[in-house]
């Protein structure tokens, strides 16, 4: 995502149920990167 405020939509039904870890990596115009601290989420997609 190259436009502030940065973000994406997470479509959980493409993931398995359970715990997942999310991070974000930022890159500046010189190519320098840094990775955020991780965030843990639990996916619980209901079964019809």
ModelCIF file with pLDDT and N, C-alpha, C, O atoms, coordinates in Angstrom:
data_MODEL
#
_entry.id   MODEL 
#
_entity.id                         1 
_entity.type                       polymer 
_entity.pdbx_number_of_molecules   1 
#
_entity_poly.entity_id                      1 
_entity_poly.type                           'polypeptide(L)' 
_entity_poly.nstd_linkage                   no 
_entity_poly.nstd_monomer                   no 
_entity_poly.pdbx_seq_one_letter_code       
;(UNK)(UNK)(UNK)(UNK)(UNK)(UNK)(UNK)(UNK)(UNK)(UNK)(UNK)(UNK)(UNK)(UNK)(UNK)(UNK)
(UNK)(UNK)(UNK)(UNK)(UNK)(UNK)(UNK)(UNK)(UNK)(UNK)(UNK)(UNK)(UNK)(UNK)(UNK)(UNK)
(UNK)(UNK)(UNK)(UNK)(UNK)(UNK)(UNK)(UNK)(UNK)(UNK)(UNK)(UNK)(UNK)(UNK)(UNK)(UNK)
;
_entity_poly.pdbx_seq_one_letter_code_can   XXXXXXXXXXXXXXXXXXXXXXXXXXXXXXXXXXXXXXXXXXXXXXXX 
_entity_poly.pdbx_strand_id                 A 
#
loop_
_entity_poly_seq.entity_id 
_entity_poly_seq.num 
_entity_poly_seq.mon_id 
_entity_poly_seq.hetero 
1 1  UNK n 
1 2  UNK n 
1 3  UNK n 
1 4  UNK n 
1 5  UNK n 
1 6  UNK n 
1 7  UNK n 
1 8  UNK n 
1 9  UNK n 
1 10 UNK n 
1 11 UNK n 
1 12 UNK n 
1 13 UNK n 
1 14 UNK n 
1 15 UNK n 
1 16 UNK n 
1 17 UNK n 
1 18 UNK n 
1 19 UNK n 
1 20 UNK n 
1 21 UNK n 
1 22 UNK n 
1 23 UNK n 
1 24 UNK n 
1 25 UNK n 
1 26 UNK n 
1 27 UNK n 
1 28 UNK n 
1 29 UNK n 
1 30 UNK n 
1 31 UNK n 
1 32 UNK n 
1 33 UNK n 
1 34 UNK n 
1 35 UNK n 
1 36 UNK n 
1 37 UNK n 
1 38 UNK n 
1 39 UNK n 
1 40 UNK n 
1 41 UNK n 
1 42 UNK n 
1 43 UNK n 
1 44 UNK n 
1 45 UNK n 
1 46 UNK n 
1 47 UNK n 
1 48 UNK n 
#
_struct_asym.id          A 
_struct_asym.entity_id   1 
#
loop_
_ma_qa_metric.id 
_ma_qa_metric.mode 
_ma_qa_metric.name 
_ma_qa_metric.software_group_id 
_ma_qa_metric.type 
1 global pLDDT . pLDDT 
2 local  pLDDT . pLDDT 
#
_ma_qa_metric_global.metric_id      1 
_ma_qa_metric_global.metric_value   88.38 
_ma_qa_metric_global.model_id       1 
_ma_qa_metric_global.ordinal_id     1 
#
loop_
_ma_qa_metric_local.label_asym_id 
_ma_qa_metric_local.label_comp_id 
_ma_qa_metric_local.label_seq_id 
_ma_qa_metric_local.metric_id 
_ma_qa_metric_local.metric_value 
_ma_qa_metric_local.model_id 
_ma_qa_metric_local.ordinal_id 
A UNK 1  2 82.00 1 1  
A UNK 2  2 82.00 1 2  
A UNK 3  2 82.00 1 3  
A UNK 4  2 83.00 1 4  
A UNK 5  2 83.00 1 5  
A UNK 6  2 84.00 1 6  
A UNK 7  2 85.00 1 7  
A UNK 8  2 84.00 1 8  
A UNK 9  2 84.00 1 9  
A UNK 10 2 84.00 1 10 
A UNK 11 2 84.00 1 11 
A UNK 12 2 85.00 1 12 
A UNK 13 2 79.00 1 13 
A UNK 14 2 81.00 1 14 
A UNK 15 2 86.00 1 15 
A UNK 16 2 86.00 1 16 
A UNK 17 2 86.00 1 17 
A UNK 18 2 89.00 1 18 
A UNK 19 2 93.00 1 19 
A UNK 20 2 93.00 1 20 
A UNK 21 2 94.00 1 21 
A UNK 22 2 93.00 1 22 
A UNK 23 2 93.00 1 23 
A UNK 24 2 91.00 1 24 
A UNK 25 2 92.00 1 25 
A UNK 26 2 92.00 1 26 
A UNK 27 2 90.00 1 27 
A UNK 28 2 91.00 1 28 
A UNK 29 2 89.00 1 29 
A UNK 30 2 93.00 1 30 
A UNK 31 2 90.00 1 31 
A UNK 32 2 94.00 1 32 
A UNK 33 2 93.00 1 33 
A UNK 34 2 95.00 1 34 
A UNK 35 2 94.00 1 35 
A UNK 36 2 93.00 1 36 
A UNK 37 2 95.00 1 37 
A UNK 38 2 95.00 1 38 
A UNK 39 2 95.00 1 39 
A UNK 40 2 94.00 1 40 
A UNK 41 2 93.00 1 41 
A UNK 42 2 91.00 1 42 
A UNK 43 2 89.00 1 43 
A UNK 44 2 86.00 1 44 
A UNK 45 2 85.00 1 45 
A UNK 46 2 81.00 1 46 
A UNK 47 2 81.00 1 47 
A UNK 48 2 85.00 1 48 
#
loop_
_atom_site.group_PDB 
_atom_site.id 
_atom_site.type_symbol 
_atom_site.label_atom_id 
_atom_site.label_alt_id 
_atom_site.label_comp_id 
_atom_site.label_asym_id 
_atom_site.label_entity_id 
_atom_site.label_seq_id 
_atom_site.pdbx_PDB_ins_code 
_atom_site.Cartn_x 
_atom_site.Cartn_y 
_atom_site.Cartn_z 
_atom_site.occupancy 
_atom_site.B_iso_or_equiv 
_atom_site.pdbx_formal_charge 
_atom_site.auth_seq_id 
_atom_site.auth_comp_id 
_atom_site.auth_asym_id 
_atom_site.auth_atom_id 
_atom_site.pdbx_PDB_model_num 
ATOM 1   N N  . UNK A 1 1  ? 0.866   -1.165  0.000  1.00 82.00 ? 1  UNK A N  1 
ATOM 2   C CA . UNK A 1 1  ? 0.000   0.000   0.000  1.00 82.00 ? 1  UNK A CA 1 
ATOM 3   C C  . UNK A 1 1  ? 0.905   1.217   0.000  1.00 82.00 ? 1  UNK A C  1 
ATOM 4   O O  . UNK A 1 1  ? 1.709   1.390   0.916  1.00 82.00 ? 1  UNK A O  1 
ATOM 5   N N  . UNK A 1 2  ? 0.786   2.059   -1.009 1.00 82.00 ? 2  UNK A N  1 
ATOM 6   C CA . UNK A 1 2  ? 1.679   3.220   -1.147 1.00 82.00 ? 2  UNK A CA 1 
ATOM 7   C C  . UNK A 1 2  ? 0.981   4.534   -0.817 1.00 82.00 ? 2  UNK A C  1 
ATOM 8   O O  . UNK A 1 2  ? 1.527   5.604   -1.085 1.00 82.00 ? 2  UNK A O  1 
ATOM 9   N N  . UNK A 1 3  ? -0.215  4.470   -0.239 1.00 82.00 ? 3  UNK A N  1 
ATOM 10  C CA . UNK A 1 3  ? -0.979  5.669   0.082  1.00 82.00 ? 3  UNK A CA 1 
ATOM 11  C C  . UNK A 1 3  ? -1.284  5.700   1.574  1.00 82.00 ? 3  UNK A C  1 
ATOM 12  O O  . UNK A 1 3  ? -1.790  4.730   2.139  1.00 82.00 ? 3  UNK A O  1 
ATOM 13  N N  . UNK A 1 4  ? -0.958  6.859   2.221  1.00 83.00 ? 4  UNK A N  1 
ATOM 14  C CA . UNK A 1 4  ? -1.285  7.005   3.647  1.00 83.00 ? 4  UNK A CA 1 
ATOM 15  C C  . UNK A 1 4  ? -2.798  7.170   3.764  1.00 83.00 ? 4  UNK A C  1 
ATOM 16  O O  . UNK A 1 4  ? -3.379  7.725   2.832  1.00 83.00 ? 4  UNK A O  1 
ATOM 17  N N  . UNK A 1 5  ? -3.442  6.773   4.743  1.00 83.00 ? 5  UNK A N  1 
ATOM 18  C CA . UNK A 1 5  ? -3.172  5.903   5.856  1.00 83.00 ? 5  UNK A CA 1 
ATOM 19  C C  . UNK A 1 5  ? -3.078  4.478   5.325  1.00 83.00 ? 5  UNK A C  1 
ATOM 20  O O  . UNK A 1 5  ? -3.955  4.015   4.597  1.00 83.00 ? 5  UNK A O  1 
ATOM 21  N N  . UNK A 1 6  ? -2.023  3.803   5.692  1.00 84.00 ? 6  UNK A N  1 
ATOM 22  C CA . UNK A 1 6  ? -1.684  2.513   5.125  1.00 84.00 ? 6  UNK A CA 1 
ATOM 23  C C  . UNK A 1 6  ? -2.512  1.396   5.754  1.00 84.00 ? 6  UNK A C  1 
ATOM 24  O O  . UNK A 1 6  ? -2.731  1.383   6.965  1.00 84.00 ? 6  UNK A O  1 
ATOM 25  N N  . UNK A 1 7  ? -2.965  0.472   4.935  1.00 85.00 ? 7  UNK A N  1 
ATOM 26  C CA . UNK A 1 7  ? -3.736  -0.647  5.452  1.00 85.00 ? 7  UNK A CA 1 
ATOM 27  C C  . UNK A 1 7  ? -4.234  -1.533  4.325  1.00 85.00 ? 7  UNK A C  1 
ATOM 28  O O  . UNK A 1 7  ? -4.222  -1.145  3.156  1.00 85.00 ? 7  UNK A O  1 
ATOM 29  N N  . UNK A 1 8  ? -4.666  -2.712  4.688  1.00 84.00 ? 8  UNK A N  1 
ATOM 30  C CA . UNK A 1 8  ? -5.277  -3.651  3.747  1.00 84.00 ? 8  UNK A CA 1 
ATOM 31  C C  . UNK A 1 8  ? -6.458  -4.329  4.454  1.00 84.00 ? 8  UNK A C  1 
ATOM 32  O O  . UNK A 1 8  ? -6.566  -4.309  5.680  1.00 84.00 ? 8  UNK A O  1 
ATOM 33  N N  . UNK A 1 9  ? -7.316  -4.914  3.665  1.00 84.00 ? 9  UNK A N  1 
ATOM 34  C CA . UNK A 1 9  ? -8.407  -5.723  4.223  1.00 84.00 ? 9  UNK A CA 1 
ATOM 35  C C  . UNK A 1 9  ? -7.934  -7.157  4.309  1.00 84.00 ? 9  UNK A C  1 
ATOM 36  O O  . UNK A 1 9  ? -7.346  -7.689  3.367  1.00 84.00 ? 9  UNK A O  1 
ATOM 37  N N  . UNK A 1 10 ? -8.195  -7.773  5.438  1.00 84.00 ? 10 UNK A N  1 
ATOM 38  C CA . UNK A 1 10 ? -7.836  -9.175  5.648  1.00 84.00 ? 10 UNK A CA 1 
ATOM 39  C C  . UNK A 1 10 ? -9.098  -10.009 5.459  1.00 84.00 ? 10 UNK A C  1 
ATOM 40  O O  . UNK A 1 10 ? -10.045 -9.882  6.235  1.00 84.00 ? 10 UNK A O  1 
ATOM 41  N N  . UNK A 1 11 ? -9.120  -10.852 4.448  1.00 84.00 ? 11 UNK A N  1 
ATOM 42  C CA . UNK A 1 11 ? -10.259 -11.722 4.174  1.00 84.00 ? 11 UNK A CA 1 
ATOM 43  C C  . UNK A 1 11 ? -9.994  -13.038 4.894  1.00 84.00 ? 11 UNK A C  1 
ATOM 44  O O  . UNK A 1 11 ? -9.200  -13.863 4.441  1.00 84.00 ? 11 UNK A O  1 
ATOM 45  N N  . UNK A 1 12 ? -10.670 -13.218 6.018  1.00 85.00 ? 12 UNK A N  1 
ATOM 46  C CA . UNK A 1 12 ? -10.342 -14.342 6.887  1.00 85.00 ? 12 UNK A CA 1 
ATOM 47  C C  . UNK A 1 12 ? -10.756 -15.691 6.335  1.00 85.00 ? 12 UNK A C  1 
ATOM 48  O O  . UNK A 1 12 ? -10.162 -16.703 6.707  1.00 85.00 ? 12 UNK A O  1 
ATOM 49  N N  . UNK A 1 13 ? -11.763 -15.747 5.452  1.00 79.00 ? 13 UNK A N  1 
ATOM 50  C CA . UNK A 1 13 ? -12.141 -17.079 4.982  1.00 79.00 ? 13 UNK A CA 1 
ATOM 51  C C  . UNK A 1 13 ? -11.139 -17.665 4.001  1.00 79.00 ? 13 UNK A C  1 
ATOM 52  O O  . UNK A 1 13 ? -11.324 -18.786 3.525  1.00 79.00 ? 13 UNK A O  1 
ATOM 53  N N  . UNK A 1 14 ? -10.079 -16.926 3.692  1.00 81.00 ? 14 UNK A N  1 
ATOM 54  C CA . UNK A 1 14 ? -8.982  -17.518 2.926  1.00 81.00 ? 14 UNK A CA 1 
ATOM 55  C C  . UNK A 1 14 ? -7.915  -18.094 3.863  1.00 81.00 ? 14 UNK A C  1 
ATOM 56  O O  . UNK A 1 14 ? -6.925  -18.666 3.406  1.00 81.00 ? 14 UNK A O  1 
ATOM 57  N N  . UNK A 1 15 ? -8.124  -17.941 5.179  1.00 86.00 ? 15 UNK A N  1 
ATOM 58  C CA . UNK A 1 15 ? -7.194  -18.449 6.187  1.00 86.00 ? 15 UNK A CA 1 
ATOM 59  C C  . UNK A 1 15 ? -7.830  -19.616 6.934  1.00 86.00 ? 15 UNK A C  1 
ATOM 60  O O  . UNK A 1 15 ? -9.053  -19.747 6.983  1.00 86.00 ? 15 UNK A O  1 
ATOM 61  N N  . UNK A 1 16 ? -6.986  -20.454 7.509  1.00 86.00 ? 16 UNK A N  1 
ATOM 62  C CA . UNK A 1 16 ? -7.495  -21.529 8.356  1.00 86.00 ? 16 UNK A CA 1 
ATOM 63  C C  . UNK A 1 16 ? -7.911  -20.953 9.703  1.00 86.00 ? 16 UNK A C  1 
ATOM 64  O O  . UNK A 1 16 ? -7.384  -19.928 10.136 1.00 86.00 ? 16 UNK A O  1 
ATOM 65  N N  . UNK A 1 17 ? -8.852  -21.611 10.360 1.00 86.00 ? 17 UNK A N  1 
ATOM 66  C CA . UNK A 1 17 ? -9.207  -21.206 11.722 1.00 86.00 ? 17 UNK A CA 1 
ATOM 67  C C  . UNK A 1 17 ? -8.007  -21.429 12.625 1.00 86.00 ? 17 UNK A C  1 
ATOM 68  O O  . UNK A 1 17 ? -7.271  -22.404 12.471 1.00 86.00 ? 17 UNK A O  1 
ATOM 69  N N  . UNK A 1 18 ? -7.817  -20.511 13.574 1.00 89.00 ? 18 UNK A N  1 
ATOM 70  C CA . UNK A 1 18 ? -6.704  -20.634 14.503 1.00 89.00 ? 18 UNK A CA 1 
ATOM 71  C C  . UNK A 1 18 ? -5.946  -19.328 14.640 1.00 89.00 ? 18 UNK A C  1 
ATOM 72  O O  . UNK A 1 18 ? -6.421  -18.272 14.220 1.00 89.00 ? 18 UNK A O  1 
ATOM 73  N N  . UNK A 1 19 ? -4.757  -19.410 15.234 1.00 93.00 ? 19 UNK A N  1 
ATOM 74  C CA . UNK A 1 19 ? -3.941  -18.235 15.526 1.00 93.00 ? 19 UNK A CA 1 
ATOM 75  C C  . UNK A 1 19 ? -3.042  -17.906 14.338 1.00 93.00 ? 19 UNK A C  1 
ATOM 76  O O  . UNK A 1 19 ? -2.432  -18.790 13.736 1.00 93.00 ? 19 UNK A O  1 
ATOM 77  N N  . UNK A 1 20 ? -2.973  -16.619 14.015 1.00 93.00 ? 20 UNK A N  1 
ATOM 78  C CA . UNK A 1 20 ? -2.109  -16.123 12.938 1.00 93.00 ? 20 UNK A CA 1 
ATOM 79  C C  . UNK A 1 20 ? -1.377  -14.892 13.448 1.00 93.00 ? 20 UNK A C  1 
ATOM 80  O O  . UNK A 1 20 ? -1.895  -14.160 14.291 1.00 93.00 ? 20 UNK A O  1 
ATOM 81  N N  . UNK A 1 21 ? -0.167  -14.663 12.934 1.00 94.00 ? 21 UNK A N  1 
ATOM 82  C CA . UNK A 1 21 ? 0.639   -13.517 13.330 1.00 94.00 ? 21 UNK A CA 1 
ATOM 83  C C  . UNK A 1 21 ? 0.743   -12.554 12.155 1.00 94.00 ? 21 UNK A C  1 
ATOM 84  O O  . UNK A 1 21 ? 1.077   -12.952 11.039 1.00 94.00 ? 21 UNK A O  1 
ATOM 85  N N  . UNK A 1 22 ? 0.453   -11.278 12.419 1.00 93.00 ? 22 UNK A N  1 
ATOM 86  C CA . UNK A 1 22 ? 0.499   -10.241 11.383 1.00 93.00 ? 22 UNK A CA 1 
ATOM 87  C C  . UNK A 1 22 ? 1.632   -9.268  11.690 1.00 93.00 ? 22 UNK A C  1 
ATOM 88  O O  . UNK A 1 22 ? 1.865   -8.907  12.844 1.00 93.00 ? 22 UNK A O  1 
ATOM 89  N N  . UNK A 1 23 ? 2.334   -8.848  10.633 1.00 93.00 ? 23 UNK A N  1 
ATOM 90  C CA . UNK A 1 23 ? 3.338   -7.787  10.738 1.00 93.00 ? 23 UNK A CA 1 
ATOM 91  C C  . UNK A 1 23 ? 3.177   -6.877  9.527  1.00 93.00 ? 23 UNK A C  1 
ATOM 92  O O  . UNK A 1 23 ? 2.549   -7.245  8.535  1.00 93.00 ? 23 UNK A O  1 
ATOM 93  N N  . UNK A 1 24 ? 3.749   -5.693  9.625  1.00 91.00 ? 24 UNK A N  1 
ATOM 94  C CA . UNK A 1 24 ? 3.784   -4.753  8.501  1.00 91.00 ? 24 UNK A CA 1 
ATOM 95  C C  . UNK A 1 24 ? 5.234   -4.345  8.266  1.00 91.00 ? 24 UNK A C  1 
ATOM 96  O O  . UNK A 1 24 ? 5.992   -4.131  9.212  1.00 91.00 ? 24 UNK A O  1 
ATOM 97  N N  . UNK A 1 25 ? 5.601   -4.244  7.020  1.00 92.00 ? 25 UNK A N  1 
ATOM 98  C CA . UNK A 1 25 ? 6.949   -3.803  6.676  1.00 92.00 ? 25 UNK A CA 1 
ATOM 99  C C  . UNK A 1 25 ? 6.843   -2.478  5.933  1.00 92.00 ? 25 UNK A C  1 
ATOM 100 O O  . UNK A 1 25 ? 6.129   -2.364  4.937  1.00 92.00 ? 25 UNK A O  1 
ATOM 101 N N  . UNK A 1 26 ? 7.576   -1.464  6.438  1.00 92.00 ? 26 UNK A N  1 
ATOM 102 C CA . UNK A 1 26 ? 7.586   -0.144  5.802  1.00 92.00 ? 26 UNK A CA 1 
ATOM 103 C C  . UNK A 1 26 ? 8.866   0.005   4.979  1.00 92.00 ? 26 UNK A C  1 
ATOM 104 O O  . UNK A 1 26 ? 9.929   -0.467  5.381  1.00 92.00 ? 26 UNK A O  1 
ATOM 105 N N  . UNK A 1 27 ? 8.753   0.666   3.820  1.00 90.00 ? 27 UNK A N  1 
ATOM 106 C CA . UNK A 1 27 ? 9.901   0.898   2.943  1.00 90.00 ? 27 UNK A CA 1 
ATOM 107 C C  . UNK A 1 27 ? 9.914   2.362   2.543  1.00 90.00 ? 27 UNK A C  1 
ATOM 108 O O  . UNK A 1 27 ? 8.894   2.909   2.122  1.00 90.00 ? 27 UNK A O  1 
ATOM 109 N N  . UNK A 1 28 ? 11.088  3.004   2.678  1.00 91.00 ? 28 UNK A N  1 
ATOM 110 C CA . UNK A 1 28 ? 11.194  4.392   2.247  1.00 91.00 ? 28 UNK A CA 1 
ATOM 111 C C  . UNK A 1 28 ? 11.662  4.451   0.797  1.00 91.00 ? 28 UNK A C  1 
ATOM 112 O O  . UNK A 1 28 ? 11.941  3.419   0.186  1.00 91.00 ? 28 UNK A O  1 
ATOM 113 N N  . UNK A 1 29 ? 11.746  5.655   0.250  1.00 89.00 ? 29 UNK A N  1 
ATOM 114 C CA . UNK A 1 29 ? 12.099  5.814   -1.157 1.00 89.00 ? 29 UNK A CA 1 
ATOM 115 C C  . UNK A 1 29 ? 13.537  5.388   -1.459 1.00 89.00 ? 29 UNK A C  1 
ATOM 116 O O  . UNK A 1 29 ? 13.879  5.182   -2.624 1.00 89.00 ? 29 UNK A O  1 
ATOM 117 N N  . UNK A 1 30 ? 14.381  5.250   -0.443 1.00 93.00 ? 30 UNK A N  1 
ATOM 118 C CA . UNK A 1 30 ? 15.748  4.776   -0.640 1.00 93.00 ? 30 UNK A CA 1 
ATOM 119 C C  . UNK A 1 30 ? 15.839  3.258   -0.555 1.00 93.00 ? 30 UNK A C  1 
ATOM 120 O O  . UNK A 1 30 ? 16.903  2.685   -0.789 1.00 93.00 ? 30 UNK A O  1 
ATOM 121 N N  . UNK A 1 31 ? 14.729  2.605   -0.223 1.00 90.00 ? 31 UNK A N  1 
ATOM 122 C CA . UNK A 1 31 ? 14.732  1.152   -0.122 1.00 90.00 ? 31 UNK A CA 1 
ATOM 123 C C  . UNK A 1 31 ? 14.986  0.614   1.267  1.00 90.00 ? 31 UNK A C  1 
ATOM 124 O O  . UNK A 1 31 ? 15.056  -0.603  1.445  1.00 90.00 ? 31 UNK A O  1 
ATOM 125 N N  . UNK A 1 32 ? 15.126  1.474   2.253  1.00 94.00 ? 32 UNK A N  1 
ATOM 126 C CA . UNK A 1 32 ? 15.314  1.030   3.629  1.00 94.00 ? 32 UNK A CA 1 
ATOM 127 C C  . UNK A 1 32 ? 13.984  0.478   4.149  1.00 94.00 ? 32 UNK A C  1 
ATOM 128 O O  . UNK A 1 32 ? 12.921  1.030   3.867  1.00 94.00 ? 32 UNK A O  1 
ATOM 129 N N  . UNK A 1 33 ? 14.057  -0.612  4.908  1.00 93.00 ? 33 UNK A N  1 
ATOM 130 C CA . UNK A 1 33 ? 12.828  -1.229  5.439  1.00 93.00 ? 33 UNK A CA 1 
ATOM 131 C C  . UNK A 1 33 ? 12.939  -1.435  6.935  1.00 93.00 ? 33 UNK A C  1 
ATOM 132 O O  . UNK A 1 33 ? 14.027  -1.533  7.501  1.00 93.00 ? 33 UNK A O  1 
ATOM 133 N N  . UNK A 1 34 ? 11.767  -1.498  7.555  1.00 95.00 ? 34 UNK A N  1 
ATOM 134 C CA . UNK A 1 34 ? 11.662  -1.881  8.948  1.00 95.00 ? 34 UNK A CA 1 
ATOM 135 C C  . UNK A 1 34 ? 10.342  -2.639  9.131  1.00 95.00 ? 34 UNK A C  1 
ATOM 136 O O  . UNK A 1 34 ? 9.354   -2.361  8.451  1.00 95.00 ? 34 UNK A O  1 
ATOM 137 N N  . UNK A 1 35 ? 10.344  -3.584  10.044 1.00 94.00 ? 35 UNK A N  1 
ATOM 138 C CA . UNK A 1 35 ? 9.164   -4.428  10.278 1.00 94.00 ? 35 UNK A CA 1 
ATOM 139 C C  . UNK A 1 35 ? 8.576   -4.109  11.645 1.00 94.00 ? 35 UNK A C  1 
ATOM 140 O O  . UNK A 1 35 ? 9.298   -3.953  12.630 1.00 94.00 ? 35 UNK A O  1 
ATOM 141 N N  . UNK A 1 36 ? 7.260   -4.017  11.683 1.00 93.00 ? 36 UNK A N  1 
ATOM 142 C CA . UNK A 1 36 ? 6.554   -3.705  12.932 1.00 93.00 ? 36 UNK A CA 1 
ATOM 143 C C  . UNK A 1 36 ? 6.654   -4.877  13.894 1.00 93.00 ? 36 UNK A C  1 
ATOM 144 O O  . UNK A 1 36 ? 7.054   -5.981  13.523 1.00 93.00 ? 36 UNK A O  1 
ATOM 145 N N  . UNK A 1 37 ? 6.281   -4.610  15.140 1.00 95.00 ? 37 UNK A N  1 
ATOM 146 C CA . UNK A 1 37 ? 6.131   -5.718  16.075 1.00 95.00 ? 37 UNK A CA 1 
ATOM 147 C C  . UNK A 1 37 ? 4.921   -6.541  15.625 1.00 95.00 ? 37 UNK A C  1 
ATOM 148 O O  . UNK A 1 37 ? 4.007   -6.022  14.984 1.00 95.00 ? 37 UNK A O  1 
ATOM 149 N N  . UNK A 1 38 ? 4.931   -7.802  15.963 1.00 95.00 ? 38 UNK A N  1 
ATOM 150 C CA . UNK A 1 38 ? 3.871   -8.693  15.503 1.00 95.00 ? 38 UNK A CA 1 
ATOM 151 C C  . UNK A 1 38 ? 2.602   -8.520  16.338 1.00 95.00 ? 38 UNK A C  1 
ATOM 152 O O  . UNK A 1 38 ? 2.640   -8.148  17.511 1.00 95.00 ? 38 UNK A O  1 
ATOM 153 N N  . UNK A 1 39 ? 1.502   -8.803  15.694 1.00 95.00 ? 39 UNK A N  1 
ATOM 154 C CA . UNK A 1 39 ? 0.192   -8.801  16.334 1.00 95.00 ? 39 UNK A CA 1 
ATOM 155 C C  . UNK A 1 39 ? -0.409  -10.178 16.083 1.00 95.00 ? 39 UNK A C  1 
ATOM 156 O O  . UNK A 1 39 ? -0.399  -10.672 14.955 1.00 95.00 ? 39 UNK A O  1 
ATOM 157 N N  . UNK A 1 40 ? -0.930  -10.790 17.135 1.00 94.00 ? 40 UNK A N  1 
ATOM 158 C CA . UNK A 1 40 ? -1.543  -12.112 17.000 1.00 94.00 ? 40 UNK A CA 1 
ATOM 159 C C  . UNK A 1 40 ? -3.056  -11.953 16.908 1.00 94.00 ? 40 UNK A C  1 
ATOM 160 O O  . UNK A 1 40 ? -3.666  -11.241 17.705 1.00 94.00 ? 40 UNK A O  1 
ATOM 161 N N  . UNK A 1 41 ? -3.656  -12.628 15.923 1.00 93.00 ? 41 UNK A N  1 
ATOM 162 C CA . UNK A 1 41 ? -5.109  -12.632 15.772 1.00 93.00 ? 41 UNK A CA 1 
ATOM 163 C C  . UNK A 1 41 ? -5.584  -14.085 15.731 1.00 93.00 ? 41 UNK A C  1 
ATOM 164 O O  . UNK A 1 41 ? -4.850  -14.980 15.311 1.00 93.00 ? 41 UNK A O  1 
ATOM 165 N N  . UNK A 1 42 ? -6.806  -14.299 16.166 1.00 91.00 ? 42 UNK A N  1 
ATOM 166 C CA . UNK A 1 42 ? -7.403  -15.625 16.096 1.00 91.00 ? 42 UNK A CA 1 
ATOM 167 C C  . UNK A 1 42 ? -8.525  -15.581 15.079 1.00 91.00 ? 42 UNK A C  1 
ATOM 168 O O  . UNK A 1 42 ? -9.457  -14.786 15.198 1.00 91.00 ? 42 UNK A O  1 
ATOM 169 N N  . UNK A 1 43 ? -8.427  -16.439 14.082 1.00 89.00 ? 43 UNK A N  1 
ATOM 170 C CA . UNK A 1 43 ? -9.445  -16.533 13.041 1.00 89.00 ? 43 UNK A CA 1 
ATOM 171 C C  . UNK A 1 43 ? -10.415 -17.646 13.423 1.00 89.00 ? 43 UNK A C  1 
ATOM 172 O O  . UNK A 1 43 ? -10.017 -18.763 13.754 1.00 89.00 ? 43 UNK A O  1 
ATOM 173 N N  . UNK A 1 44 ? -11.688 -17.305 13.367 1.00 86.00 ? 44 UNK A N  1 
ATOM 174 C CA . UNK A 1 44 ? -12.734 -18.287 13.664 1.00 86.00 ? 44 UNK A CA 1 
ATOM 175 C C  . UNK A 1 44 ? -13.860 -18.106 12.651 1.00 86.00 ? 44 UNK A C  1 
ATOM 176 O O  . UNK A 1 44 ? -14.877 -17.473 12.932 1.00 86.00 ? 44 UNK A O  1 
ATOM 177 N N  . UNK A 1 45 ? -13.653 -18.674 11.474 1.00 85.00 ? 45 UNK A N  1 
ATOM 178 C CA . UNK A 1 45 ? -14.673 -18.606 10.434 1.00 85.00 ? 45 UNK A CA 1 
ATOM 179 C C  . UNK A 1 45 ? -15.762 -19.616 10.768 1.00 85.00 ? 45 UNK A C  1 
ATOM 180 O O  . UNK A 1 45 ? -15.476 -20.782 11.040 1.00 85.00 ? 45 UNK A O  1 
ATOM 181 N N  . UNK A 1 46 ? -17.007 -19.166 10.747 1.00 81.00 ? 46 UNK A N  1 
ATOM 182 C CA . UNK A 1 46 ? -18.096 -20.090 11.048 1.00 81.00 ? 46 UNK A CA 1 
ATOM 183 C C  . UNK A 1 46 ? -18.352 -20.985 9.837  1.00 81.00 ? 46 UNK A C  1 
ATOM 184 O O  . UNK A 1 46 ? -18.172 -20.579 8.689  1.00 81.00 ? 46 UNK A O  1 
ATOM 185 N N  . UNK A 1 47 ? -18.769 -22.189 10.123 1.00 81.00 ? 47 UNK A N  1 
ATOM 186 C CA . UNK A 1 47 ? -19.116 -23.142 9.084  1.00 81.00 ? 47 UNK A CA 1 
ATOM 187 C C  . UNK A 1 47 ? -20.620 -23.080 8.890  1.00 81.00 ? 47 UNK A C  1 
ATOM 188 O O  . UNK A 1 47 ? -21.372 -23.180 9.858  1.00 81.00 ? 47 UNK A O  1 
ATOM 189 N N  . UNK A 1 48 ? -21.070 -22.915 7.646  1.00 85.00 ? 48 UNK A N  1 
ATOM 190 C CA . UNK A 1 48 ? -22.514 -22.830 7.447  1.00 85.00 ? 48 UNK A CA 1 
ATOM 191 C C  . UNK A 1 48 ? -23.210 -24.136 7.830  1.00 85.00 ? 48 UNK A C  1 
ATOM 192 O O  . UNK A 1 48 ? -24.432 -24.239 7.725  1.00 85.00 ? 48 UNK A O  1 
#
